[in-house]
Amino acid sequence: MTRAIRIPEREQGLIKKIDEMLDRMDQKTYGICERCEEEIPYPRLKARPVTTLCINSKTLEEQEEKARP
C-alpha cells in the first residue's frame, strides 16, 4: 500500500475520533475513561485529546491484546 492511499485513511480515522470526542463533550463524558470510569488526567488529554482511556486502562488493554492468540 502506498503512502498516498494510507494518508486519507488515517485522516478519516482521525476525523471520526474528533467527532466522537465532540459527542463526548456534548454528553459531558469527555475526559472520563471508558473502561474504569475514572477521570483521565489533564496531561494525558493534553498529549492525546481524542483518547478514551486513562494510562492504566490503556496499559491493560495492550497487555490483553498481547495475550490473545
N, C-alpha and C. Protein backbone atom coordinates (compact mmCIF):
# COMPACT_ATOMS: atom_id res chain seq x y z
N MET A 1 0.85 -1.19 0.00
CA MET A 1 0.00 0.00 0.00
C MET A 1 0.89 1.24 0.00
N THR A 2 0.59 2.18 -0.83
CA THR A 2 1.40 3.38 -0.90
C THR A 2 0.96 4.40 0.13
N ARG A 3 1.83 5.33 0.41
CA ARG A 3 1.53 6.40 1.35
C ARG A 3 0.33 7.22 0.92
N ALA A 4 0.22 7.48 -0.37
CA ALA A 4 -0.88 8.30 -0.88
C ALA A 4 -2.23 7.69 -0.54
N ILE A 5 -2.29 6.38 -0.42
CA ILE A 5 -3.55 5.70 -0.08
C ILE A 5 -3.76 5.71 1.44
N ARG A 6 -2.72 5.54 2.21
CA ARG A 6 -2.84 5.47 3.66
C ARG A 6 -3.19 6.81 4.30
N ILE A 7 -2.70 7.88 3.78
CA ILE A 7 -2.92 9.18 4.40
C ILE A 7 -4.41 9.50 4.50
N PRO A 8 -5.18 9.37 3.46
CA PRO A 8 -6.61 9.66 3.60
C PRO A 8 -7.30 8.75 4.63
N GLU A 9 -6.91 7.48 4.70
CA GLU A 9 -7.48 6.57 5.69
C GLU A 9 -7.16 7.05 7.09
N ARG A 10 -5.93 7.46 7.31
CA ARG A 10 -5.53 7.97 8.63
C ARG A 10 -6.29 9.24 8.98
N GLU A 11 -6.40 10.12 7.99
CA GLU A 11 -7.13 11.36 8.23
C GLU A 11 -8.60 11.08 8.52
N GLN A 12 -9.18 10.14 7.80
CA GLN A 12 -10.57 9.77 8.01
C GLN A 12 -10.75 9.20 9.42
N GLY A 13 -9.81 8.38 9.86
CA GLY A 13 -9.87 7.83 11.21
C GLY A 13 -9.77 8.91 12.27
N LEU A 14 -8.91 9.89 12.04
CA LEU A 14 -8.76 10.98 13.00
C LEU A 14 -10.02 11.84 13.04
N ILE A 15 -10.62 12.10 11.90
CA ILE A 15 -11.86 12.87 11.86
C ILE A 15 -12.96 12.15 12.64
N LYS A 16 -13.02 10.84 12.49
CA LYS A 16 -14.01 10.05 13.24
C LYS A 16 -13.76 10.18 14.74
N LYS A 17 -12.51 10.09 15.16
CA LYS A 17 -12.18 10.21 16.59
C LYS A 17 -12.52 11.61 17.11
N ILE A 18 -12.29 12.63 16.30
CA ILE A 18 -12.63 14.00 16.72
C ILE A 18 -14.14 14.15 16.86
N ASP A 19 -14.89 13.60 15.91
CA ASP A 19 -16.36 13.64 16.01
C ASP A 19 -16.85 12.95 17.27
N GLU A 20 -16.26 11.79 17.57
CA GLU A 20 -16.62 11.07 18.79
C GLU A 20 -16.27 11.88 20.03
N MET A 21 -15.13 12.56 20.01
CA MET A 21 -14.71 13.40 21.13
C MET A 21 -15.71 14.52 21.33
N LEU A 22 -16.14 15.15 20.25
CA LEU A 22 -17.12 16.23 20.35
C LEU A 22 -18.45 15.72 20.90
N ASP A 23 -18.84 14.51 20.51
CA ASP A 23 -20.06 13.90 21.07
C ASP A 23 -19.90 13.69 22.57
N ARG A 24 -18.72 13.22 23.00
CA ARG A 24 -18.48 13.02 24.44
C ARG A 24 -18.52 14.35 25.18
N MET A 25 -18.04 15.40 24.54
CA MET A 25 -18.11 16.73 25.17
C MET A 25 -19.57 17.15 25.35
N ASP A 26 -20.39 16.93 24.32
CA ASP A 26 -21.81 17.26 24.40
C ASP A 26 -22.51 16.46 25.50
N GLN A 27 -22.10 15.20 25.66
CA GLN A 27 -22.71 14.32 26.66
C GLN A 27 -22.08 14.48 28.04
N LYS A 28 -21.12 15.38 28.14
CA LYS A 28 -20.41 15.63 29.41
C LYS A 28 -19.65 14.41 29.91
N THR A 29 -19.18 13.58 28.97
CA THR A 29 -18.38 12.41 29.35
C THR A 29 -16.94 12.51 28.86
N TYR A 30 -16.60 13.65 28.26
CA TYR A 30 -15.23 13.83 27.79
C TYR A 30 -14.30 13.87 28.99
N GLY A 31 -13.19 13.15 28.90
CA GLY A 31 -12.21 13.12 29.98
C GLY A 31 -12.47 12.04 31.01
N ILE A 32 -13.47 11.19 30.74
CA ILE A 32 -13.78 10.07 31.63
C ILE A 32 -13.38 8.79 30.90
N CYS A 33 -12.61 7.96 31.57
CA CYS A 33 -12.13 6.71 30.97
C CYS A 33 -13.32 5.78 30.69
N GLU A 34 -13.38 5.26 29.48
CA GLU A 34 -14.45 4.35 29.10
C GLU A 34 -14.36 3.00 29.79
N ARG A 35 -13.20 2.67 30.28
CA ARG A 35 -13.01 1.35 30.91
C ARG A 35 -13.23 1.40 32.42
N CYS A 36 -12.56 2.30 33.10
CA CYS A 36 -12.63 2.33 34.57
C CYS A 36 -13.53 3.45 35.10
N GLU A 37 -13.95 4.34 34.19
CA GLU A 37 -14.83 5.46 34.52
C GLU A 37 -14.21 6.48 35.48
N GLU A 38 -12.89 6.47 35.57
CA GLU A 38 -12.18 7.47 36.35
C GLU A 38 -11.83 8.64 35.43
N GLU A 39 -11.53 9.78 36.03
CA GLU A 39 -11.15 10.94 35.26
C GLU A 39 -9.78 10.71 34.61
N ILE A 40 -9.68 11.06 33.34
CA ILE A 40 -8.40 10.96 32.63
C ILE A 40 -7.60 12.21 33.00
N PRO A 41 -6.38 12.04 33.49
CA PRO A 41 -5.58 13.20 33.89
C PRO A 41 -5.33 14.17 32.73
N TYR A 42 -5.31 15.46 33.08
CA TYR A 42 -5.12 16.52 32.09
C TYR A 42 -3.88 16.30 31.21
N PRO A 43 -2.71 15.92 31.76
CA PRO A 43 -1.55 15.74 30.88
C PRO A 43 -1.79 14.69 29.79
N ARG A 44 -2.56 13.66 30.10
CA ARG A 44 -2.88 12.64 29.09
C ARG A 44 -3.80 13.24 28.02
N LEU A 45 -4.80 14.00 28.44
CA LEU A 45 -5.71 14.63 27.48
C LEU A 45 -4.98 15.67 26.64
N LYS A 46 -4.06 16.36 27.25
CA LYS A 46 -3.30 17.37 26.50
C LYS A 46 -2.43 16.69 25.44
N ALA A 47 -1.83 15.56 25.79
CA ALA A 47 -0.97 14.84 24.85
C ALA A 47 -1.78 14.14 23.76
N ARG A 48 -2.96 13.65 24.14
CA ARG A 48 -3.80 12.90 23.19
C ARG A 48 -5.26 13.26 23.44
N PRO A 49 -5.72 14.37 22.90
CA PRO A 49 -7.08 14.86 23.19
C PRO A 49 -8.21 13.91 22.82
N VAL A 50 -7.99 13.02 21.86
CA VAL A 50 -9.07 12.11 21.44
C VAL A 50 -9.08 10.80 22.23
N THR A 51 -8.22 10.67 23.23
CA THR A 51 -8.16 9.42 23.98
C THR A 51 -9.45 9.16 24.73
N THR A 52 -9.77 7.89 24.90
CA THR A 52 -10.94 7.49 25.67
C THR A 52 -10.55 6.65 26.88
N LEU A 53 -9.23 6.41 27.01
CA LEU A 53 -8.74 5.56 28.10
C LEU A 53 -7.64 6.28 28.88
N CYS A 54 -7.65 6.08 30.20
CA CYS A 54 -6.54 6.57 31.02
C CYS A 54 -5.34 5.67 30.77
N ILE A 55 -4.20 6.05 31.27
CA ILE A 55 -2.97 5.28 31.04
C ILE A 55 -3.10 3.85 31.57
N ASN A 56 -3.63 3.69 32.79
CA ASN A 56 -3.76 2.35 33.36
C ASN A 56 -4.65 1.46 32.51
N SER A 57 -5.78 1.99 32.07
CA SER A 57 -6.69 1.20 31.24
C SER A 57 -6.08 0.90 29.87
N LYS A 58 -5.36 1.84 29.31
CA LYS A 58 -4.70 1.61 28.02
C LYS A 58 -3.63 0.54 28.15
N THR A 59 -2.89 0.57 29.26
CA THR A 59 -1.87 -0.44 29.51
C THR A 59 -2.50 -1.82 29.62
N LEU A 60 -3.60 -1.93 30.36
CA LEU A 60 -4.31 -3.21 30.49
C LEU A 60 -4.81 -3.70 29.13
N GLU A 61 -5.35 -2.79 28.34
CA GLU A 61 -5.84 -3.15 27.02
C GLU A 61 -4.71 -3.72 26.15
N GLU A 62 -3.56 -3.06 26.19
CA GLU A 62 -2.42 -3.53 25.40
C GLU A 62 -1.92 -4.89 25.88
N GLN A 63 -1.90 -5.10 27.19
CA GLN A 63 -1.49 -6.39 27.74
C GLN A 63 -2.45 -7.50 27.31
N GLU A 64 -3.74 -7.20 27.31
CA GLU A 64 -4.74 -8.18 26.89
C GLU A 64 -4.60 -8.51 25.41
N GLU A 65 -4.30 -7.49 24.60
CA GLU A 65 -4.10 -7.72 23.17
C GLU A 65 -2.89 -8.61 22.92
N LYS A 66 -1.82 -8.42 23.67
CA LYS A 66 -0.61 -9.24 23.53
C LYS A 66 -0.88 -10.69 23.95
N ALA A 67 -1.77 -10.88 24.91
CA ALA A 67 -2.04 -12.21 25.45
C ALA A 67 -2.97 -13.03 24.53
N ARG A 68 -3.64 -12.37 23.61
CA ARG A 68 -4.54 -13.09 22.69
C ARG A 68 -3.73 -13.94 21.71
N PRO A 69 -4.23 -15.13 21.45
CA PRO A 69 -3.50 -15.99 20.50
C PRO A 69 -3.60 -15.53 19.06
